[in-house]
Structure formats: structure tokens, C-alpha cells
Amino acid sequence: MQATRPLLYKGFVGRSVDEFKRLSHIVFSLEGIQGAKAPYELHDFRSPTSVQDCKVMSDVEIGGASNAHLDWVTSPPPSSPIPPPSPNSPGYARFHGTISTQLPKDRPDIKRSGYAAFRTRDRPPTVFGRSLFNIDPYVYLAMRVKSDGRSYFVNVQTESVVPTDLHQHRLFVKKPGEWETLLIKWNDFVRTNHGYVVEPQTEIMRQKVKSIGVGLTDRIPGPFELCIERMWATNDESEGDGVVDLSSSSSSRAMPKQVVVDDEMAAAAPPKEGKLKTKQGQKIAWGSK
């Protein structure tokens, strides 16, 4: 097991100053009493160095044949017929590659492969201690994405008592091939471990979020592509093109598959195939938490 390389985009003093400004703003704007009004940037991909602050994973780590890449793409010029992710956006990240379910020949213990993912790297410490995302004042996770329509998952890792726990949610898009802003309620994420739902369910440790990422585990061989401009926390429902509604027919029918994460978050591949289940074998729908 290897420790995640910390972000190095700023020195210790610079990070500490930024954290002091953020904490001061919370105090003087009375966010603790009145609630947060401004959005909270979690990660944006509008600069070329932004992709370096993420870790890319695939089943290659266990001898599989899938491949995954996270590249920075310059936004098309205003004269281009291709729309940019948002007005005046300099660029975005392109998560792409190929899924293969081919099993490694020299690993008889591996029974399943075919996954790819990326996540933000652990944030480095400041003078105030370990730097974590505090999304407690916010209702929604917002993501500006353009998807190919495949069954991606949003993965949230916290500083949990169980390090391999993940909170997950399907990335339900309404307009494959087009840019859209999706809002997901933080309370709707499902707690899992090694691809299985954990009981009893607990909410995300909202003051101790370590990383946010996206994974693909539909095990459908072939190319994939997901473009993403930014991720942020917000209370403003008008910022999104729609809110994922777990009570809708399309969401309640969609059964999330097992999600495979890298060796820093779990083991390699989950031990069994199938839909997301409890350890008793019961299938889990998003609306059934």
C-alpha cells in the first residue's frame, strides 16, 4: 500500500493563509448561524495543472487490460460550433480510456476485472492541521459534466473510522453528449465497503471529506469518455439543470453496480459479480436506504 502523494501546488504558508481566509470568511459572514450562501469550490479543471491534482486508477493495477487517462483539454474558440463547458471557460478535463474484462493470465485469484476511476488527491496539511473539505453547510454536490451516457459513479471518501468506506451515488445524466450541471444531495449517497452496502447506513462525515472522484464499473468492454469542468458544493438549486430525484421512476429502477476502487481505498476487485448488494445478498435500490 502506498501513501497518496499530497498536492504540491502551494507551499505550507500559502495553504495556511488560504485556509485562514476561508475560516475568517465563515466567521464574519455568520455562515455558522445563517447558513452558507456562496458556493464552495471543491475542484475545478479550468487550468492545465488541475489534472495533476488527481489520481487515475484502473484494473491494470491487478493485471487487467483496461486503461484510463485524465487529460486537460482547451475549450473551443468562440467561433467554433462546439459549445464550451461554460462561458469564458479556458478548459476542462477529459476522463477517457477503454474498459476490458480480460482476466490476467498469471492471477488465478482475480475473478473479475473491468474498471476505471479517478479521484482528487489528499489535500496537504496547513498550520490548522490536516486539510479536509467541510461540506456541512451545503445540501448539494454540483458537477459540470458531459457524459457518454455510461453508468458512472460519484465516489466520496471521508476520514472515516473504516478507511475503505466510500459513499457512492450514480451519476445520472439527462443529456448524454451535452454539457449539463448535475446536483446530487449529499444525504443521498450510499455508504459502501469493497463494493457492498454497509449496514447500518450512516451519513457522510460532512466536515471531513478527503476526496471526490468518479468511477466506471459497468464492465461493458469498449471506449468511454466523461468530460468534467468543475465540482463544488452549493445550496442554490438554480445552479443546476436538475436535481437527482430518488423517488423518480428512472432513478428507483437503476440499481448501482459494485464499485471497484484502488488499493488505497479498498482491495483490488470485489469478490463477487452482480448489482450493489448487502452482505446478506439483498439488492439495493437508490430509494431504499
Foldseek 3Di string as FASTA:
>chain_A
DDAFDADDPDDQAVVQVVVVVVVVCCVVVVCVPVFDADWFFDAFQLDQCRCVQKDKDFLVVVVDDWDKDKGKDAADDPVDPDDGLDPPRGTWIKIKTWWDFDDHPVCPQDDTGTKIKMKGTFHPAYPVGGDFAQLPRFFKKKWWKAFQQAWKKKWWAFPDPQQLKIWIDTPDDDDHRDIFMEIETQQLTFIDGLQAGDPPTDGDPRGTIGMIMMMHDPNDTTMTIMITGGIITHHDQVVGPDYDDCVDPVQQPDFAWGTADDPSNHHGHRPDGDTHYHPVRHTDGSPPD
